[in-house]
PDB file of all heavy atoms in Angstrom:
ATOM      1  N   GLY A   1    -220.964  22.875 -37.537  1.00  0.00           N
ATOM      2  CA  GLY A   1    -221.804  21.863 -36.994  1.00  0.00           C
ATOM      3  C   GLY A   1    -222.283  22.179 -35.551  1.00  0.00           C
ATOM      4  O   GLY A   1    -221.601  22.723 -34.795  1.00  0.00           O
ATOM      5  N   ALA A   2    -223.534  21.755 -35.288  1.00  0.00           N
ATOM      6  CA  ALA A   2    -224.053  21.928 -33.903  1.00  0.00           C
ATOM      7  C   ALA A   2    -223.392  20.937 -32.927  1.00  0.00           C
ATOM      8  O   ALA A   2    -222.816  19.899 -33.359  1.00  0.00           O
ATOM      9  CB  ALA A   2    -225.505  21.629 -33.949  1.00  0.00           C
ATOM     10  N   ASP A   3    -223.303  21.308 -31.666  1.00  0.00           N
ATOM     11  CA  ASP A   3    -222.653  20.527 -30.664  1.00  0.00           C
ATOM     12  C   ASP A   3    -223.181  19.112 -30.679  1.00  0.00           C
ATOM     13  O   ASP A   3    -222.417  18.125 -30.469  1.00  0.00           O
ATOM     14  CB  ASP A   3    -222.828  21.147 -29.299  1.00  0.00           C
ATOM     15  CG  ASP A   3    -221.935  22.399 -29.095  1.00  0.00           C
ATOM     16  OD1 ASP A   3    -220.997  22.568 -29.876  1.00  0.00           O
ATOM     17  OD2 ASP A   3    -222.211  23.245 -28.172  1.00  0.00           O
ATOM     18  N   GLU A   4    -224.516  19.015 -30.846  1.00  0.00           N
ATOM     19  CA  GLU A   4    -225.115  17.616 -30.813  1.00  0.00           C
ATOM     20  C   GLU A   4    -224.504  16.781 -31.971  1.00  0.00           C
ATOM     21  O   GLU A   4    -224.311  15.570 -31.770  1.00  0.00           O
ATOM     22  CB  GLU A   4    -226.639  17.617 -30.919  1.00  0.00           C
ATOM     23  CG  GLU A   4    -227.366  18.426 -29.859  1.00  0.00           C
ATOM     24  CD  GLU A   4    -227.338  19.912 -30.125  1.00  0.00           C
ATOM     25  OE1 GLU A   4    -227.443  20.355 -31.252  1.00  0.00           O
ATOM     26  OE2 GLU A   4    -227.246  20.657 -29.071  1.00  0.00           O
ATOM     27  N   MET A   5    -224.348  17.445 -33.146  1.00  0.00           N
ATOM     28  CA  MET A   5    -223.801  16.706 -34.287  1.00  0.00           C
ATOM     29  C   MET A   5    -222.369  16.305 -34.068  1.00  0.00           C
ATOM     30  O   MET A   5    -221.963  15.221 -34.531  1.00  0.00           O
ATOM     31  CB  MET A   5    -223.969  17.636 -35.491  1.00  0.00           C
ATOM     32  CG  MET A   5    -223.984  17.026 -36.820  1.00  0.00           C
ATOM     33  SD  MET A   5    -225.138  15.624 -37.015  1.00  0.00           S
ATOM     34  CE  MET A   5    -226.699  16.297 -36.566  1.00  0.00           C
ATOM     35  N   VAL A   6    -221.569  17.197 -33.360  1.00  0.00           N
ATOM     36  CA  VAL A   6    -220.220  16.833 -33.022  1.00  0.00           C
ATOM     37  C   VAL A   6    -220.204  15.540 -32.227  1.00  0.00           C
ATOM     38  O   VAL A   6    -219.382  14.610 -32.500  1.00  0.00           O
ATOM     39  CB  VAL A   6    -219.555  17.976 -32.273  1.00  0.00           C
ATOM     40  CG1 VAL A   6    -218.179  17.603 -31.722  1.00  0.00           C
ATOM     41  CG2 VAL A   6    -219.429  19.177 -33.184  1.00  0.00           C
ATOM     42  N   GLU A   7    -221.048  15.430 -31.205  1.00  0.00           N
ATOM     43  CA  GLU A   7    -221.108  14.200 -30.399  1.00  0.00           C
ATOM     44  C   GLU A   7    -221.483  12.991 -31.170  1.00  0.00           C
ATOM     45  O   GLU A   7    -220.934  11.878 -30.921  1.00  0.00           O
ATOM     46  CB  GLU A   7    -222.058  14.408 -29.190  1.00  0.00           C
ATOM     47  CG  GLU A   7    -221.552  15.557 -28.306  1.00  0.00           C
ATOM     48  CD  GLU A   7    -220.095  15.278 -27.690  1.00  0.00           C
ATOM     49  OE1 GLU A   7    -219.798  14.152 -27.296  1.00  0.00           O
ATOM     50  OE2 GLU A   7    -219.363  16.222 -27.714  1.00  0.00           O
ATOM     51  N   ASP A   8    -222.446  13.169 -32.071  1.00  0.00           N
ATOM     52  CA  ASP A   8    -222.828  12.026 -32.890  1.00  0.00           C
ATOM     53  C   ASP A   8    -221.704  11.532 -33.799  1.00  0.00           C
ATOM     54  O   ASP A   8    -221.521  10.337 -33.996  1.00  0.00           O
ATOM     55  CB  ASP A   8    -224.120  12.385 -33.813  1.00  0.00           C
ATOM     56  CG  ASP A   8    -225.287  12.429 -33.003  1.00  0.00           C
ATOM     57  OD1 ASP A   8    -225.321  12.153 -31.772  1.00  0.00           O
ATOM     58  OD2 ASP A   8    -226.319  12.971 -33.554  1.00  0.00           O
ATOM     59  N   VAL A   9    -220.940  12.505 -34.305  1.00  0.00           N
ATOM     60  CA  VAL A   9    -219.796  12.208 -35.154  1.00  0.00           C
ATOM     61  C   VAL A   9    -218.741  11.451 -34.415  1.00  0.00           C
ATOM     62  O   VAL A   9    -218.238  10.478 -34.878  1.00  0.00           O
ATOM     63  CB  VAL A   9    -219.289  13.470 -35.941  1.00  0.00           C
ATOM     64  CG1 VAL A   9    -217.886  13.208 -36.592  1.00  0.00           C
ATOM     65  CG2 VAL A   9    -220.218  13.939 -37.061  1.00  0.00           C
ATOM     66  N   LYS A  10    -218.427  11.963 -33.264  1.00  0.00           N
ATOM     67  CA  LYS A  10    -217.454  11.279 -32.381  1.00  0.00           C
ATOM     68  C   LYS A  10    -217.895   9.780 -32.201  1.00  0.00           C
ATOM     69  O   LYS A  10    -217.043   8.927 -32.304  1.00  0.00           O
ATOM     70  CB  LYS A  10    -217.356  11.937 -31.063  1.00  0.00           C
ATOM     71  CG  LYS A  10    -216.625  13.236 -31.002  1.00  0.00           C
ATOM     72  CD  LYS A  10    -216.583  13.804 -29.635  1.00  0.00           C
ATOM     73  CE  LYS A  10    -215.926  15.086 -29.441  1.00  0.00           C
ATOM     74  NZ  LYS A  10    -215.944  15.581 -28.055  1.00  0.00           N
ATOM     75  N   LEU A  11    -219.112   9.595 -31.893  1.00  0.00           N
ATOM     76  CA  LEU A  11    -219.606   8.166 -31.609  1.00  0.00           C
ATOM     77  C   LEU A  11    -219.480   7.353 -32.836  1.00  0.00           C
ATOM     78  O   LEU A  11    -218.940   6.259 -32.812  1.00  0.00           O
ATOM     79  CB  LEU A  11    -221.020   8.159 -31.020  1.00  0.00           C
ATOM     80  CG  LEU A  11    -221.620   6.858 -30.702  1.00  0.00           C
ATOM     81  CD1 LEU A  11    -220.790   6.042 -29.781  1.00  0.00           C
ATOM     82  CD2 LEU A  11    -223.019   7.100 -30.169  1.00  0.00           C
ATOM     83  N   ALA A  12    -220.010   7.807 -33.983  1.00  0.00           N
ATOM     84  CA  ALA A  12    -220.015   7.149 -35.241  1.00  0.00           C
ATOM     85  C   ALA A  12    -218.497   6.760 -35.654  1.00  0.00           C
ATOM     86  O   ALA A  12    -218.235   5.560 -36.023  1.00  0.00           O
ATOM     87  CB  ALA A  12    -220.653   7.863 -36.356  1.00  0.00           C
ATOM     88  N   VAL A  13    -217.659   7.717 -35.558  1.00  0.00           N
ATOM     89  CA  VAL A  13    -216.234   7.492 -35.969  1.00  0.00           C
ATOM     90  C   VAL A  13    -215.602   6.528 -35.036  1.00  0.00           C
ATOM     91  O   VAL A  13    -214.807   5.515 -35.534  1.00  0.00           O
ATOM     92  CB  VAL A  13    -215.480   8.880 -36.083  1.00  0.00           C
ATOM     93  CG1 VAL A  13    -213.994   8.600 -36.267  1.00  0.00           C
ATOM     94  CG2 VAL A  13    -215.954   9.643 -37.251  1.00  0.00           C
ATOM     95  N   SER A  14    -215.878   6.612 -33.831  1.00  0.00           N
ATOM     96  CA  SER A  14    -215.358   5.674 -32.807  1.00  0.00           C
ATOM     97  C   SER A  14    -215.750   4.270 -33.074  1.00  0.00           C
ATOM     98  O   SER A  14    -214.900   3.237 -32.998  1.00  0.00           O
ATOM     99  CB  SER A  14    -215.697   6.069 -31.367  1.00  0.00           C
ATOM    100  OG  SER A  14    -215.105   7.260 -31.071  1.00  0.00           O
ATOM    101  N   GLU A  15    -217.030   4.114 -33.341  1.00  0.00           N
ATOM    102  CA  GLU A  15    -217.554   2.744 -33.633  1.00  0.00           C
ATOM    103  C   GLU A  15    -216.948   2.179 -34.921  1.00  0.00           C
ATOM    104  O   GLU A  15    -216.554   1.014 -34.955  1.00  0.00           O
ATOM    105  CB  GLU A  15    -219.093   2.763 -33.710  1.00  0.00           C
ATOM    106  CG  GLU A  15    -219.745   3.060 -32.399  1.00  0.00           C
ATOM    107  CD  GLU A  15    -219.428   2.024 -31.345  1.00  0.00           C
ATOM    108  OE1 GLU A  15    -219.310   0.803 -31.597  1.00  0.00           O
ATOM    109  OE2 GLU A  15    -219.322   2.375 -30.174  1.00  0.00           O
ATOM    110  N   ALA A  16    -216.850   2.975 -35.966  1.00  0.00           N
ATOM    111  CA  ALA A  16    -216.261   2.444 -37.249  1.00  0.00           C
ATOM    112  C   ALA A  16    -214.811   2.171 -37.120  1.00  0.00           C
ATOM    113  O   ALA A  16    -214.440   1.038 -37.538  1.00  0.00           O
ATOM    114  CB  ALA A  16    -216.475   3.479 -38.336  1.00  0.00           C
ATOM    115  N   CYS A  17    -214.055   3.009 -36.434  1.00  0.00           N
ATOM    116  CA  CYS A  17    -212.666   2.675 -36.292  1.00  0.00           C
ATOM    117  C   CYS A  17    -212.406   1.565 -35.332  1.00  0.00           C
ATOM    118  O   CYS A  17    -211.499   0.703 -35.555  1.00  0.00           O
ATOM    119  CB  CYS A  17    -211.918   3.909 -35.749  1.00  0.00           C
ATOM    120  SG  CYS A  17    -211.914   5.302 -36.965  1.00  0.00           S
ATOM    121  N   THR A  18    -213.157   1.435 -34.265  1.00  0.00           N
ATOM    122  CA  THR A  18    -213.072   0.245 -33.397  1.00  0.00           C
ATOM    123  C   THR A  18    -213.319  -1.063 -34.042  1.00  0.00           C
ATOM    124  O   THR A  18    -212.562  -1.976 -33.898  1.00  0.00           O
ATOM    125  CB  THR A  18    -214.033   0.434 -32.157  1.00  0.00           C
ATOM    126  OG1 THR A  18    -213.615   1.546 -31.468  1.00  0.00           O
ATOM    127  CG2 THR A  18    -213.907  -0.765 -31.197  1.00  0.00           C
ATOM    128  N   ASP A  19    -214.315  -1.004 -34.968  1.00  0.00           N
ATOM    129  CA  ASP A  19    -214.618  -2.310 -35.627  1.00  0.00           C
ATOM    130  C   ASP A  19    -213.489  -2.735 -36.497  1.00  0.00           C
ATOM    131  O   ASP A  19    -213.106  -3.857 -36.644  1.00  0.00           O
ATOM    132  CB  ASP A  19    -215.956  -2.043 -36.560  1.00  0.00           C
ATOM    133  CG  ASP A  19    -216.348  -3.429 -37.109  1.00  0.00           C
ATOM    134  OD1 ASP A  19    -216.877  -4.271 -36.337  1.00  0.00           O
ATOM    135  OD2 ASP A  19    -216.135  -3.678 -38.336  1.00  0.00           O
ATOM    136  N   THR A  20    -212.785  -1.702 -37.205  1.00  0.00           N
ATOM    137  CA  THR A  20    -211.694  -2.001 -37.983  1.00  0.00           C
ATOM    138  C   THR A  20    -210.412  -2.465 -37.160  1.00  0.00           C
ATOM    139  O   THR A  20    -209.782  -3.483 -37.482  1.00  0.00           O
ATOM    140  CB  THR A  20    -211.306  -0.773 -38.828  1.00  0.00           C
ATOM    141  OG1 THR A  20    -212.404  -0.446 -39.663  1.00  0.00           O
ATOM    142  CG2 THR A  20    -210.011  -1.016 -39.657  1.00  0.00           C
ATOM    143  N   VAL A  21    -210.210  -1.772 -36.050  1.00  0.00           N
ATOM    144  CA  VAL A  21    -209.155  -2.243 -35.148  1.00  0.00           C
ATOM    145  C   VAL A  21    -209.331  -3.715 -34.688  1.00  0.00           C
ATOM    146  O   VAL A  21    -208.476  -4.480 -34.753  1.00  0.00           O
ATOM    147  CB  VAL A  21    -209.014  -1.310 -33.876  1.00  0.00           C
ATOM    148  CG1 VAL A  21    -208.091  -1.856 -32.920  1.00  0.00           C
ATOM    149  CG2 VAL A  21    -208.480   0.066 -34.474  1.00  0.00           C
ATOM    150  N   VAL A  22    -210.524  -4.017 -34.283  1.00  0.00           N
ATOM    151  CA  VAL A  22    -210.865  -5.357 -33.796  1.00  0.00           C
ATOM    152  C   VAL A  22    -210.658  -6.377 -34.936  1.00  0.00           C
ATOM    153  O   VAL A  22    -210.032  -7.484 -34.751  1.00  0.00           O
ATOM    154  CB  VAL A  22    -212.266  -5.439 -33.163  1.00  0.00           C
ATOM    155  CG1 VAL A  22    -212.639  -6.905 -32.931  1.00  0.00           C
ATOM    156  CG2 VAL A  22    -212.344  -4.701 -31.928  1.00  0.00           C
ATOM    157  N   SER A  23    -211.189  -6.030 -36.097  1.00  0.00           N
ATOM    158  CA  SER A  23    -211.156  -6.947 -37.156  1.00  0.00           C
ATOM    159  C   SER A  23    -209.755  -7.171 -37.726  1.00  0.00           C
ATOM    160  O   SER A  23    -209.334  -8.265 -38.126  1.00  0.00           O
ATOM    161  CB  SER A  23    -211.939  -6.350 -38.356  1.00  0.00           C
ATOM    162  OG  SER A  23    -213.286  -6.325 -38.066  1.00  0.00           O
ATOM    163  N   LEU A  24    -208.893  -6.167 -37.663  1.00  0.00           N
ATOM    164  CA  LEU A  24    -207.536  -6.349 -38.193  1.00  0.00           C
ATOM    165  C   LEU A  24    -206.498  -6.683 -37.145  1.00  0.00           C
ATOM    166  O   LEU A  24    -205.342  -6.920 -37.483  1.00  0.00           O
ATOM    167  CB  LEU A  24    -207.064  -4.945 -38.829  1.00  0.00           C
ATOM    168  CG  LEU A  24    -207.813  -4.561 -40.114  1.00  0.00           C
ATOM    169  CD1 LEU A  24    -207.274  -3.175 -40.593  1.00  0.00           C
ATOM    170  CD2 LEU A  24    -207.735  -5.575 -41.256  1.00  0.00           C
ATOM    171  N   GLY A  25    -206.918  -6.715 -35.882  1.00  0.00           N
ATOM    172  CA  GLY A  25    -206.004  -7.069 -34.844  1.00  0.00           C
ATOM    173  C   GLY A  25    -204.825  -6.115 -34.754  1.00  0.00           C
ATOM    174  O   GLY A  25    -203.781  -6.518 -34.347  1.00  0.00           O
ATOM    175  N   GLY A  26    -205.083  -4.881 -35.036  1.00  0.00           N
ATOM    176  CA  GLY A  26    -203.998  -3.899 -34.877  1.00  0.00           C
ATOM    177  C   GLY A  26    -203.049  -3.821 -35.957  1.00  0.00           C
ATOM    178  O   GLY A  26    -201.956  -3.126 -35.957  1.00  0.00           O
ATOM    179  N   ARG A  27    -203.299  -4.500 -37.148  1.00  0.00           N
ATOM    180  CA  ARG A  27    -202.366  -4.523 -38.287  1.00  0.00           C
ATOM    181  C   ARG A  27    -203.035  -3.661 -39.458  1.00  0.00           C
ATOM    182  O   ARG A  27    -204.307  -3.702 -39.563  1.00  0.00           O
ATOM    183  CB  ARG A  27    -202.061  -5.913 -38.719  1.00  0.00           C
ATOM    184  CG  ARG A  27    -201.362  -6.731 -37.721  1.00  0.00           C
ATOM    185  CD  ARG A  27    -201.189  -8.224 -38.121  1.00  0.00           C
ATOM    186  NE  ARG A  27    -202.439  -8.885 -38.454  1.00  0.00           N
ATOM    187  CZ  ARG A  27    -203.149  -9.466 -37.641  1.00  0.00           C
ATOM    188  NH1 ARG A  27    -202.887  -9.384 -36.317  1.00  0.00           N
ATOM    189  NH2 ARG A  27    -204.282 -10.034 -37.971  1.00  0.00           N
ATOM    190  N   GLY A  28    -202.258  -3.015 -40.115  1.00  0.00           N
ATOM    191  CA  GLY A  28    -202.735  -2.293 -41.249  1.00  0.00           C
ATOM    192  C   GLY A  28    -202.956  -0.861 -41.023  1.00  0.00           C
ATOM    193  O   GLY A  28    -202.571  -0.323 -39.924  1.00  0.00           O
ATOM    194  N   ALA A  29    -203.617  -0.134 -41.893  1.00  0.00           N
ATOM    195  CA  ALA A  29    -203.772   1.297 -41.815  1.00  0.00           C
ATOM    196  C   ALA A  29    -205.221   1.712 -42.057  1.00  0.00           C
ATOM    197  O   ALA A  29    -205.942   0.805 -42.755  1.00  0.00           O
ATOM    198  CB  ALA A  29    -202.820   2.059 -42.764  1.00  0.00           C
ATOM    199  N   MET A  30    -205.626   2.838 -41.656  1.00  0.00           N
ATOM    200  CA  MET A  30    -207.015   3.323 -41.907  1.00  0.00           C
ATOM    201  C   MET A  30    -206.910   4.755 -42.394  1.00  0.00           C
ATOM    202  O   MET A  30    -205.862   5.406 -42.230  1.00  0.00           O
ATOM    203  CB  MET A  30    -207.781   3.359 -40.643  1.00  0.00           C
ATOM    204  CG  MET A  30    -207.964   1.998 -40.015  1.00  0.00           C
ATOM    205  SD  MET A  30    -209.031   2.166 -38.495  1.00  0.00           S
ATOM    206  CE  MET A  30    -210.450   2.860 -39.136  1.00  0.00           C
ATOM    207  N   GLN A  31    -208.014   5.237 -42.915  1.00  0.00           N
ATOM    208  CA  GLN A  31    -208.097   6.630 -43.437  1.00  0.00           C
ATOM    209  C   GLN A  31    -209.440   7.089 -43.111  1.00  0.00           C
ATOM    210  O   GLN A  31    -210.519   6.402 -43.162  1.00  0.00           O
ATOM    211  CB  GLN A  31    -207.962   6.750 -44.924  1.00  0.00           C
ATOM    212  CG  GLN A  31    -206.637   7.241 -45.440  1.00  0.00           C
ATOM    213  CD  GLN A  31    -206.641   7.583 -46.849  1.00  0.00           C
ATOM    214  OE1 GLN A  31    -207.675   7.859 -47.508  1.00  0.00           O
ATOM    215  NE2 GLN A  31    -205.450   7.601 -47.433  1.00  0.00           N
ATOM    216  N   VAL A  32    -209.515   8.397 -42.563  1.00  0.00           N
ATOM    217  CA  VAL A  32    -210.775   9.118 -42.459  1.00  0.00           C
ATOM    218  C   VAL A  32    -210.700  10.333 -43.386  1.00  0.00           C
ATOM    219  O   VAL A  32    -209.657  11.061 -43.329  1.00  0.00           O
ATOM    220  CB  VAL A  32    -210.989   9.603 -40.964  1.00  0.00           C
ATOM    221  CG1 VAL A  32    -212.263  10.450 -40.878  1.00  0.00           C
ATOM    222  CG2 VAL A  32    -211.079   8.392 -40.138  1.00  0.00           C
ATOM    223  N   ARG A  33    -211.721  10.545 -44.244  1.00  0.00           N
ATOM    224  CA  ARG A  33    -211.685  11.623 -45.159  1.00  0.00           C
ATOM    225  C   ARG A  33    -212.959  12.425 -45.014  1.00  0.00           C
ATOM    226  O   ARG A  33    -214.014  11.876 -44.751  1.00  0.00           O
ATOM    227  CB  ARG A  33    -211.673  11.102 -46.622  1.00  0.00           C
ATOM    228  CG  ARG A  33    -210.342  10.413 -46.978  1.00  0.00           C
ATOM    229  CD  ARG A  33    -210.319   9.915 -48.377  1.00  0.00           C
ATOM    230  NE  ARG A  33    -211.390   9.015 -48.718  1.00  0.00           N
ATOM    231  CZ  ARG A  33    -211.340   7.698 -48.395  1.00  0.00           C
ATOM    232  NH1 ARG A  33    -210.220   7.204 -47.742  1.00  0.00           N
ATOM    233  NH2 ARG A  33    -212.179   6.865 -48.741  1.00  0.00           N
ATOM    234  N   GLY A  34    -212.835  13.780 -45.067  1.00  0.00           N
ATOM    235  CA  GLY A  34    -213.986  14.600 -45.003  1.00  0.00           C
ATOM    236  C   GLY A  34    -214.085  15.464 -46.212  1.00  0.00           C
ATOM    237  O   GLY A  34    -213.100  16.087 -46.637  1.00  0.00           O
ATOM    238  N   TYR A  35    -215.265  15.555 -46.802  1.00  0.00           N
ATOM    239  CA  TYR A  35    -215.532  16.349 -48.034  1.00  0.00           C
ATOM    240  C   TYR A  35    -216.633  17.299 -47.818  1.00  0.00           C
ATOM    241  O   TYR A  35    -217.731  17.044 -47.697  1.00  0.00           O
ATOM    242  CB  TYR A  35    -215.905  15.375 -49.164  1.00  0.00           C
ATOM    243  CG  TYR A  35    -215.022  14.364 -49.550  1.00  0.00           C
ATOM    244  CD1 TYR A  35    -215.037  13.102 -49.068  1.00  0.00           C
ATOM    245  CD2 TYR A  35    -214.015  14.648 -50.536  1.00  0.00           C
ATOM    246  CE1 TYR A  35    -214.149  12.071 -49.365  1.00  0.00           C
ATOM    247  CE2 TYR A  35    -213.173  13.604 -50.932  1.00  0.00           C
ATOM    248  CZ  TYR A  35    -213.244  12.322 -50.287  1.00  0.00           C
ATOM    249  OH  TYR A  35    -212.324  11.305 -50.745  1.00  0.00           O
ATOM    250  N   PRO A  36    -216.236  18.595 -47.558  1.00  0.00           N
ATOM    251  CA  PRO A  36    -217.317  19.587 -47.322  1.00  0.00           C
ATOM    252  C   PRO A  36    -218.058  19.826 -48.533  1.00  0.00           C
ATOM    253  O   PRO A  36    -217.528  19.792 -49.671  1.00  0.00           O
ATOM    254  CB  PRO A  36    -216.439  20.901 -46.967  1.00  0.00           C
ATOM    255  CG  PRO A  36    -215.036  20.431 -46.691  1.00  0.00           C
ATOM    256  CD  PRO A  36    -214.865  19.098 -47.444  1.00  0.00           C
ATOM    257  N   GLY A  37    -219.357  20.046 -48.480  1.00  0.00           N
ATOM    258  CA  GLY A  37    -220.234  20.247 -49.614  1.00  0.00           C
ATOM    259  C   GLY A  37    -221.481  21.083 -49.230  1.00  0.00           C
ATOM    260  O   GLY A  37    -221.595  21.510 -48.045  1.00  0.00           O
TER     261      GLY A  37
END
């Protein structure tokens, strides 16, 4: 992936994970999965 894409992925994953952390109040678990295609 291009460097610009890496930065976009970092931002998107951060936002999604932050939303979950805030919603769950630090309880529970999360998963990130990557499927190359």
